[in-house]
Amino acid sequence: MTVENNVTSVEIVAEALSSVASVSGTGVKSIKVGENKFGVIVTAQNGDISTYNVIITRKASSDATLKNLTVSSGTLSPTFASGTTSYTLTVPYSVTSLTVTPTVNNSEAKASVTGNTSLIVGSNTVSIVVTAGDGTKKTYTITVTRSKDTTNTLKSLSLSNCTLSPTFASGTTSYTCTVENSVTSTTVTATAKSSVATVSGTGSKSLSVGNNTVSVVVTSQSGSIKTYSVTVTRKAN
């Protein structure tokens, strides 16, 4: 006989034809998914034994839903619900991979996750495929948006023939330096802290006598701008 997946036990009831025979193997039996074989043994008064085999097949579960779904960064939108299969998530630029932890609703089901590593800037699709015990599949998807880098600071800044005051620090944007009258130009060298930021204002700069303003502009991947300024004073002759 075959029973549904939600049937986890059966009761076997048997009665011997002879009132003086004994019966064993009856009672409540737990059943697992798949085939279950139970023997009902009838022992006659003279010791002869007859065995009746009862085979019960419990169907596999068709439940391919999740009970919970969590991520290592950000917050799922909308809030997780077992019947909702599509979500969105925004993570900062620093997040290049995501730990996705699905919890299946039925212990027979298995869940696999793909697309959660090597996240690119912009849109990424993470798929969670749940396979029920009977092979039924359901896919949950998370559209992960990895934000652009907002870092717009310098890692280094130097001018030839010029000693910056104060000493360069990434968070300091204004500097001064003084050069001799004989110095008619300076070469500006600057490196952005982020590899995806752009730097403008470097290279050779002519210097006139008096104050000269040298500006170095850092533009982050997201478009935010920070300007570093150096006032270079060239001495009079």
C-alpha atoms as a PDB file:
ATOM      1  CA  MET A   1       0.000   0.000   0.000  1.00  0.00           C
ATOM      2  CA  THR A   2       1.041   3.610  -0.539  1.00  0.00           C
ATOM      3  CA  VAL A   3       0.507   6.489   1.867  1.00  0.00           C
ATOM      4  CA  GLU A   4       1.019  10.239   1.578  1.00  0.00           C
ATOM      5  CA  ASN A   5       4.186  11.913   2.803  1.00  0.00           C
ATOM      6  CA  ASN A   6       2.456  13.396   5.832  1.00  0.00           C
ATOM      7  CA  VAL A   7       1.688   9.900   7.162  1.00  0.00           C
ATOM      8  CA  THR A   8       4.557   9.067   9.503  1.00  0.00           C
ATOM      9  CA  SER A   9       3.143   6.011  11.260  1.00  0.00           C
ATOM     10  CA  VAL A  10       0.600   3.245  10.773  1.00  0.00           C
ATOM     11  CA  GLU A  11      -1.042   0.768  13.083  1.00  0.00           C
ATOM     12  CA  ILE A  12      -0.990  -2.860  12.030  1.00  0.00           C
ATOM     13  CA  VAL A  13      -3.877  -4.904  13.392  1.00  0.00           C
ATOM     14  CA  ALA A  14      -4.052  -8.685  12.818  1.00  0.00           C
ATOM     15  CA  GLU A  15      -6.085 -11.546  14.220  1.00  0.00           C
ATOM     16  CA  ALA A  16      -5.233 -15.245  13.895  1.00  0.00           C
ATOM     17  CA  LEU A  17      -7.813 -17.561  12.386  1.00  0.00           C
ATOM     18  CA  SER A  18      -7.280 -19.966  15.301  1.00  0.00           C
ATOM     19  CA  SER A  19      -8.013 -18.816  18.784  1.00  0.00           C
ATOM     20  CA  VAL A  20      -5.031 -20.812  20.079  1.00  0.00           C
ATOM     21  CA  ALA A  21      -2.479 -19.299  17.674  1.00  0.00           C
ATOM     22  CA  SER A  22      -0.352 -16.293  18.620  1.00  0.00           C
ATOM     23  CA  VAL A  23       0.318 -13.168  16.522  1.00  0.00           C
ATOM     24  CA  SER A  24       3.371 -10.865  16.709  1.00  0.00           C
ATOM     25  CA  GLY A  25       4.475  -7.826  14.674  1.00  0.00           C
ATOM     26  CA  THR A  26       1.353  -5.775  15.182  1.00  0.00           C
ATOM     27  CA  GLY A  27       1.003  -2.299  16.714  1.00  0.00           C
ATOM     28  CA  VAL A  28       2.066   1.220  15.738  1.00  0.00           C
ATOM     29  CA  LYS A  29       4.955   1.371  13.272  1.00  0.00           C
ATOM     30  CA  SER A  30       6.966   4.430  12.254  1.00  0.00           C
ATOM     31  CA  ILE A  31       7.439   4.660   8.506  1.00  0.00           C
ATOM     32  CA  LYS A  32      10.174   6.401   6.578  1.00  0.00           C
ATOM     33  CA  VAL A  33       9.983   7.849   3.089  1.00  0.00           C
ATOM     34  CA  GLY A  34      10.112   5.064   0.543  1.00  0.00           C
ATOM     35  CA  GLU A  35       9.449   1.366   1.085  1.00  0.00           C
ATOM     36  CA  ASN A  36       8.808  -0.020   4.572  1.00  0.00           C
ATOM     37  CA  LYS A  37       8.465  -3.769   5.141  1.00  0.00           C
ATOM     38  CA  PHE A  38       6.848  -5.227   8.230  1.00  0.00           C
ATOM     39  CA  GLY A  39       6.380  -8.897   9.101  1.00  0.00           C
ATOM     40  CA  VAL A  40       3.320 -10.194  10.929  1.00  0.00           C
ATOM     41  CA  ILE A  41       4.126 -13.621  12.358  1.00  0.00           C
ATOM     42  CA  VAL A  42       1.461 -16.188  13.211  1.00  0.00           C
ATOM     43  CA  THR A  43       2.582 -19.106  15.370  1.00  0.00           C
ATOM     44  CA  ALA A  44       0.270 -22.118  15.549  1.00  0.00           C
ATOM     45  CA  GLN A  45      -0.228 -24.139  18.728  1.00  0.00           C
ATOM     46  CA  ASN A  46       2.036 -26.870  17.296  1.00  0.00           C
ATOM     47  CA  GLY A  47       4.827 -24.373  16.553  1.00  0.00           C
ATOM     48  CA  ASP A  48       4.279 -23.907  12.827  1.00  0.00           C
ATOM     49  CA  ILE A  49       5.008 -20.334  11.732  1.00  0.00           C
ATOM     50  CA  SER A  50       3.486 -18.278   8.944  1.00  0.00           C
ATOM     51  CA  THR A  51       4.813 -14.825   8.067  1.00  0.00           C
ATOM     52  CA  TYR A  52       2.703 -12.176   6.358  1.00  0.00           C
ATOM     53  CA  ASN A  53       4.698  -9.297   4.879  1.00  0.00           C
ATOM     54  CA  VAL A  54       3.136  -5.861   4.784  1.00  0.00           C
ATOM     55  CA  ILE A  55       4.874  -3.389   2.433  1.00  0.00           C
ATOM     56  CA  ILE A  56       4.003   0.277   2.909  1.00  0.00           C
ATOM     57  CA  THR A  57       5.430   2.936   0.598  1.00  0.00           C
ATOM     58  CA  ARG A  58       5.467   6.455   1.973  1.00  0.00           C
ATOM     59  CA  LYS A  59       5.548   9.081  -0.770  1.00  0.00           C
ATOM     60  CA  ALA A  60       8.407  11.585  -0.892  1.00  0.00           C
ATOM     61  CA  SER A  61       7.644  15.189  -0.004  1.00  0.00           C
ATOM     62  CA  SER A  62       6.782  17.661  -2.754  1.00  0.00           C
ATOM     63  CA  ASP A  63       7.602  20.620  -0.483  1.00  0.00           C
ATOM     64  CA  ALA A  64      10.232  22.735  -2.249  1.00  0.00           C
ATOM     65  CA  THR A  65       9.808  25.847  -0.133  1.00  0.00           C
ATOM     66  CA  LEU A  66      12.170  27.629   2.217  1.00  0.00           C
ATOM     67  CA  LYS A  67      11.468  28.293   5.871  1.00  0.00           C
ATOM     68  CA  ASN A  68      14.065  31.055   6.097  1.00  0.00           C
ATOM     69  CA  LEU A  69      16.636  32.865   3.977  1.00  0.00           C
ATOM     70  CA  THR A  70      19.433  35.050   5.334  1.00  0.00           C
ATOM     71  CA  VAL A  71      22.339  36.997   3.814  1.00  0.00           C
ATOM     72  CA  SER A  72      25.647  38.119   5.296  1.00  0.00           C
ATOM     73  CA  SER A  73      25.324  41.771   4.210  1.00  0.00           C
ATOM     74  CA  GLY A  74      22.402  44.120   3.729  1.00  0.00           C
ATOM     75  CA  THR A  75      18.684  43.502   4.200  1.00  0.00           C
ATOM     76  CA  LEU A  76      16.390  41.552   1.910  1.00  0.00           C
ATOM     77  CA  SER A  77      13.476  43.442   0.416  1.00  0.00           C
ATOM     78  CA  PRO A  78      10.720  42.532   0.907  1.00  0.00           C
ATOM     79  CA  THR A  79      11.105  40.754   4.251  1.00  0.00           C
ATOM     80  CA  PHE A  80      11.445  37.013   3.689  1.00  0.00           C
ATOM     81  CA  ALA A  81       8.262  34.990   3.368  1.00  0.00           C
ATOM     82  CA  SER A  82       8.158  31.369   2.270  1.00  0.00           C
ATOM     83  CA  GLY A  83       5.770  32.085  -0.589  1.00  0.00           C
ATOM     84  CA  THR A  84       7.744  35.043  -1.953  1.00  0.00           C
ATOM     85  CA  THR A  85      10.435  34.010  -4.417  1.00  0.00           C
ATOM     86  CA  SER A  86      11.912  37.333  -5.629  1.00  0.00           C
ATOM     87  CA  TYR A  87      13.990  39.722  -3.529  1.00  0.00           C
ATOM     88  CA  THR A  88      16.317  42.685  -3.936  1.00  0.00           C
ATOM     89  CA  LEU A  89      19.405  43.574  -1.936  1.00  0.00           C
ATOM     90  CA  THR A  90      21.937  46.412  -2.026  1.00  0.00           C
ATOM     91  CA  VAL A  91      25.485  45.913  -0.741  1.00  0.00           C
ATOM     92  CA  PRO A  92      28.430  48.330  -0.508  1.00  0.00           C
ATOM     93  CA  TYR A  93      31.301  48.310  -2.967  1.00  0.00           C
ATOM     94  CA  SER A  94      33.525  46.496  -0.468  1.00  0.00           C
ATOM     95  CA  VAL A  95      31.302  43.396  -0.635  1.00  0.00           C
ATOM     96  CA  THR A  96      32.499  41.116  -3.439  1.00  0.00           C
ATOM     97  CA  SER A  97      30.833  37.923  -2.247  1.00  0.00           C
ATOM     98  CA  LEU A  98      27.762  37.115  -0.228  1.00  0.00           C
ATOM     99  CA  THR A  99      27.015  34.288   2.174  1.00  0.00           C
ATOM    100  CA  VAL A 100      23.455  33.145   1.486  1.00  0.00           C
ATOM    101  CA  THR A 101      21.951  30.717   4.004  1.00  0.00           C
ATOM    102  CA  PRO A 102      18.711  28.990   2.990  1.00  0.00           C
ATOM    103  CA  THR A 103      16.738  26.855   5.456  1.00  0.00           C
ATOM    104  CA  VAL A 104      14.418  24.311   3.832  1.00  0.00           C
ATOM    105  CA  ASN A 105      10.892  23.847   5.107  1.00  0.00           C
ATOM    106  CA  ASN A 106      11.023  20.046   4.775  1.00  0.00           C
ATOM    107  CA  SER A 107      14.003  17.968   5.876  1.00  0.00           C
ATOM    108  CA  GLU A 108      13.908  15.912   2.659  1.00  0.00           C
ATOM    109  CA  ALA A 109      14.564  18.986   0.517  1.00  0.00           C
ATOM    110  CA  LYS A 110      17.984  20.266  -0.549  1.00  0.00           C
ATOM    111  CA  ALA A 111      18.933  23.834  -1.455  1.00  0.00           C
ATOM    112  CA  SER A 112      21.778  25.029  -3.679  1.00  0.00           C
ATOM    113  CA  VAL A 113      23.046  28.604  -4.110  1.00  0.00           C
ATOM    114  CA  THR A 114      24.708  30.085  -7.210  1.00  0.00           C
ATOM    115  CA  GLY A 115      25.774  33.580  -8.267  1.00  0.00           C
ATOM    116  CA  ASN A 116      26.760  34.807  -4.804  1.00  0.00           C
ATOM    117  CA  THR A 117      30.506  35.181  -5.455  1.00  0.00           C
ATOM    118  CA  SER A 118      32.577  37.533  -7.636  1.00  0.00           C
ATOM    119  CA  LEU A 119      29.908  40.237  -7.477  1.00  0.00           C
ATOM    120  CA  ILE A 120      30.297  42.952 -10.084  1.00  0.00           C
ATOM    121  CA  VAL A 121      29.434  46.609  -9.604  1.00  0.00           C
ATOM    122  CA  GLY A 122      25.780  46.909 -10.580  1.00  0.00           C
ATOM    123  CA  SER A 123      23.237  44.103 -10.845  1.00  0.00           C
ATOM    124  CA  ASN A 124      23.897  40.466  -9.912  1.00  0.00           C
ATOM    125  CA  THR A 125      21.431  37.570  -9.793  1.00  0.00           C
ATOM    126  CA  VAL A 126      21.729  35.054  -6.967  1.00  0.00           C
ATOM    127  CA  SER A 127      19.648  31.886  -7.403  1.00  0.00           C
ATOM    128  CA  ILE A 128      18.583  29.507  -4.653  1.00  0.00           C
ATOM    129  CA  VAL A 129      17.176  26.287  -6.096  1.00  0.00           C
ATOM    130  CA  VAL A 130      15.215  24.090  -3.686  1.00  0.00           C
ATOM    131  CA  THR A 131      14.687  20.460  -4.719  1.00  0.00           C
ATOM    132  CA  ALA A 132      11.992  18.556  -2.832  1.00  0.00           C
ATOM    133  CA  GLY A 133      12.237  14.879  -1.941  1.00  0.00           C
ATOM    134  CA  ASP A 134      10.134  13.938  -4.965  1.00  0.00           C
ATOM    135  CA  GLY A 135      12.180  16.109  -7.321  1.00  0.00           C
ATOM    136  CA  THR A 136       9.888  19.133  -7.365  1.00  0.00           C
ATOM    137  CA  LYS A 137      11.943  22.333  -7.780  1.00  0.00           C
ATOM    138  CA  LYS A 138      11.380  25.934  -6.763  1.00  0.00           C
ATOM    139  CA  THR A 139      13.766  28.820  -7.419  1.00  0.00           C
ATOM    140  CA  TYR A 140      14.181  31.849  -5.185  1.00  0.00           C
ATOM    141  CA  THR A 141      16.111  34.801  -6.657  1.00  0.00           C
ATOM    142  CA  ILE A 142      17.885  37.754  -5.102  1.00  0.00           C
ATOM    143  CA  THR A 143      18.822  40.684  -7.328  1.00  0.00           C
ATOM    144  CA  VAL A 144      21.943  42.022  -5.636  1.00  0.00           C
ATOM    145  CA  THR A 145      23.099  45.534  -6.495  1.00  0.00           C
ATOM    146  CA  ARG A 146      26.723  46.147  -5.602  1.00  0.00           C
ATOM    147  CA  SER A 147      27.199  49.886  -5.146  1.00  0.00           C
ATOM    148  CA  LYS A 148      29.890  51.909  -6.870  1.00  0.00           C
ATOM    149  CA  ASP A 149      32.949  52.856  -4.844  1.00  0.00           C
ATOM    150  CA  THR A 150      32.570  56.221  -3.121  1.00  0.00           C
ATOM    151  CA  THR A 151      36.254  56.543  -2.109  1.00  0.00           C
ATOM    152  CA  ASN A 152      37.612  59.844  -3.441  1.00  0.00           C
ATOM    153  CA  THR A 153      40.784  60.308  -1.400  1.00  0.00           C
ATOM    154  CA  LEU A 154      44.474  60.232  -2.257  1.00  0.00           C
ATOM    155  CA  LYS A 155      46.946  57.667  -1.037  1.00  0.00           C
ATOM    156  CA  SER A 156      49.934  59.870  -1.863  1.00  0.00           C
ATOM    157  CA  LEU A 157      50.712  63.381  -3.082  1.00  0.00           C
ATOM    158  CA  SER A 158      54.070  64.979  -3.842  1.00  0.00           C
ATOM    159  CA  LEU A 159      55.490  67.943  -5.772  1.00  0.00           C
ATOM    160  CA  SER A 160      59.065  68.020  -7.042  1.00  0.00           C
ATOM    161  CA  ASN A 161      61.377  70.571  -5.393  1.00  0.00           C
ATOM    162  CA  CYS A 162      58.662  71.172  -2.831  1.00  0.00           C
ATOM    163  CA  THR A 163      58.153  69.966   0.739  1.00  0.00           C
ATOM    164  CA  LEU A 164      54.499  69.877   1.681  1.00  0.00           C
ATOM    165  CA  SER A 165      53.333  71.467   4.900  1.00  0.00           C
ATOM    166  CA  PRO A 166      51.751  69.831   6.772  1.00  0.00           C
ATOM    167  CA  THR A 167      53.076  66.375   5.913  1.00  0.00           C
ATOM    168  CA  PHE A 168      50.709  64.627   3.535  1.00  0.00           C
ATOM    169  CA  ALA A 169      47.758  62.793   5.073  1.00  0.00           C
ATOM    170  CA  SER A 170      44.863  61.380   3.104  1.00  0.00           C
ATOM    171  CA  GLY A 171      42.284  63.332   5.085  1.00  0.00           C
ATOM    172  CA  THR A 172      44.079  66.680   4.746  1.00  0.00           C
ATOM    173  CA  THR A 173      43.219  68.602   1.588  1.00  0.00           C
ATOM    174  CA  SER A 174      45.108  71.897   1.938  1.00  0.00           C
ATOM    175  CA  TYR A 175      48.907  72.308   1.834  1.00  0.00           C
ATOM    176  CA  THR A 176      51.586  74.910   1.311  1.00  0.00           C
ATOM    177  CA  CYS A 177      55.182  74.844   0.162  1.00  0.00           C
ATOM    178  CA  THR A 178      57.875  77.355  -0.780  1.00  0.00           C
ATOM    179  CA  VAL A 179      60.422  77.046  -3.599  1.00  0.00           C
ATOM    180  CA  GLU A 180      63.401  79.087  -4.618  1.00  0.00           C
ATOM    181  CA  ASN A 181      63.131  81.666  -7.383  1.00  0.00           C
ATOM    182  CA  SER A 182      65.176  79.420  -9.643  1.00  0.00           C
ATOM    183  CA  VAL A 183      62.422  76.790  -9.567  1.00  0.00           C
ATOM    184  CA  THR A 184      60.110  77.640 -12.466  1.00  0.00           C
ATOM    185  CA  SER A 185      58.030  74.467 -12.492  1.00  0.00           C
ATOM    186  CA  THR A 186      57.053  71.529 -10.347  1.00  0.00           C
ATOM    187  CA  THR A 187      55.876  68.021 -11.199  1.00  0.00           C
ATOM    188  CA  VAL A 188      52.768  66.900  -9.363  1.00  0.00           C
ATOM    189  CA  THR A 189      52.470  63.190  -8.594  1.00  0.00           C
ATOM    190  CA  ALA A 190      49.367  61.754  -6.952  1.00  0.00           C
ATOM    191  CA  THR A 191      47.887  58.275  -6.429  1.00  0.00           C
ATOM    192  CA  ALA A 192      44.268  57.597  -5.583  1.00  0.00           C
ATOM    193  CA  LYS A 193      43.476  55.348  -2.638  1.00  0.00           C
ATOM    194  CA  SER A 194      40.916  53.472  -4.747  1.00  0.00           C
ATOM    195  CA  SER A 195      41.975  51.681  -7.912  1.00  0.00           C
ATOM    196  CA  VAL A 196      38.699  52.669  -9.605  1.00  0.00           C
ATOM    197  CA  ALA A 197      38.950  56.409  -8.832  1.00  0.00           C
ATOM    198  CA  THR A 198      40.415  58.909 -11.301  1.00  0.00           C
ATOM    199  CA  VAL A 199      42.926  61.654 -10.583  1.00  0.00           C
ATOM    200  CA  SER A 200      43.338  64.894 -12.558  1.00  0.00           C
ATOM    201  CA  GLY A 201      45.699  67.822 -12.067  1.00  0.00           C
ATOM    202  CA  THR A 202      48.979  65.910 -12.050  1.00  0.00           C
ATOM    203  CA  GLY A 203      51.991  66.484 -14.264  1.00  0.00           C
ATOM    204  CA  SER A 204      54.265  69.504 -14.815  1.00  0.00           C
ATOM    205  CA  LYS A 205      53.041  72.895 -13.586  1.00  0.00           C
ATOM    206  CA  SER A 206      54.660  76.253 -14.367  1.00  0.00           C
ATOM    207  CA  LEU A 207      55.309  78.487 -11.390  1.00  0.00           C
ATOM    208  CA  SER A 208      55.159  82.260 -11.396  1.00  0.00           C
ATOM    209  CA  VAL A 209      56.774  84.419  -8.733  1.00  0.00           C
ATOM    210  CA  GLY A 210      54.472  84.596  -5.716  1.00  0.00           C
ATOM    211  CA  ASN A 211      51.608  82.277  -4.874  1.00  0.00           C
ATOM    212  CA  ASN A 212      50.521  79.508  -7.244  1.00  0.00           C
ATOM    213  CA  THR A 213      47.565  77.213  -6.572  1.00  0.00           C
ATOM    214  CA  VAL A 214      47.921  73.611  -7.670  1.00  0.00           C
ATOM    215  CA  SER A 215      44.707  71.579  -7.537  1.00  0.00           C
ATOM    216  CA  VAL A 216      44.474  67.809  -7.705  1.00  0.00           C
ATOM    217  CA  VAL A 217      40.953  66.449  -8.183  1.00  0.00           C
ATOM    218  CA  VAL A 218      39.965  62.917  -7.206  1.00  0.00           C
ATOM    219  CA  THR A 219      36.714  61.539  -8.672  1.00  0.00           C
ATOM    220  CA  SER A 220      35.321  58.356  -7.169  1.00  0.00           C
ATOM    221  CA  GLN A 221      33.661  55.627  -9.217  1.00  0.00           C
ATOM    222  CA  SER A 222      30.317  56.905  -7.953  1.00  0.00           C
ATOM    223  CA  GLY A 223      31.105  60.436  -9.158  1.00  0.00           C
ATOM    224  CA  SER A 224      31.858  62.151  -5.839  1.00  0.00           C
ATOM    225  CA  ILE A 225      34.711  64.655  -6.034  1.00  0.00           C
ATOM    226  CA  LYS A 226      37.403  65.746  -3.597  1.00  0.00           C
ATOM    227  CA  THR A 227      39.927  68.486  -4.341  1.00  0.00           C
ATOM    228  CA  TYR A 228      43.408  68.708  -2.806  1.00  0.00           C
ATOM    229  CA  SER A 229      45.022  72.149  -3.024  1.00  0.00           C
ATOM    230  CA  VAL A 230      48.670  73.124  -2.683  1.00  0.00           C
ATOM    231  CA  THR A 231      49.654  76.771  -2.475  1.00  0.00           C
ATOM    232  CA  VAL A 232      53.187  76.939  -3.920  1.00  0.00           C
ATOM    233  CA  THR A 233      55.038  80.154  -3.166  1.00  0.00           C
ATOM    234  CA  ARG A 234      57.902  80.904  -5.516  1.00  0.00           C
ATOM    235  CA  LYS A 235      60.362  83.344  -3.936  1.00  0.00           C
ATOM    236  CA  ALA A 236      61.147  86.647  -5.612  1.00  0.00           C
ATOM    237  CA  ASN A 237      64.578  87.103  -7.122  1.00  0.00           C
END
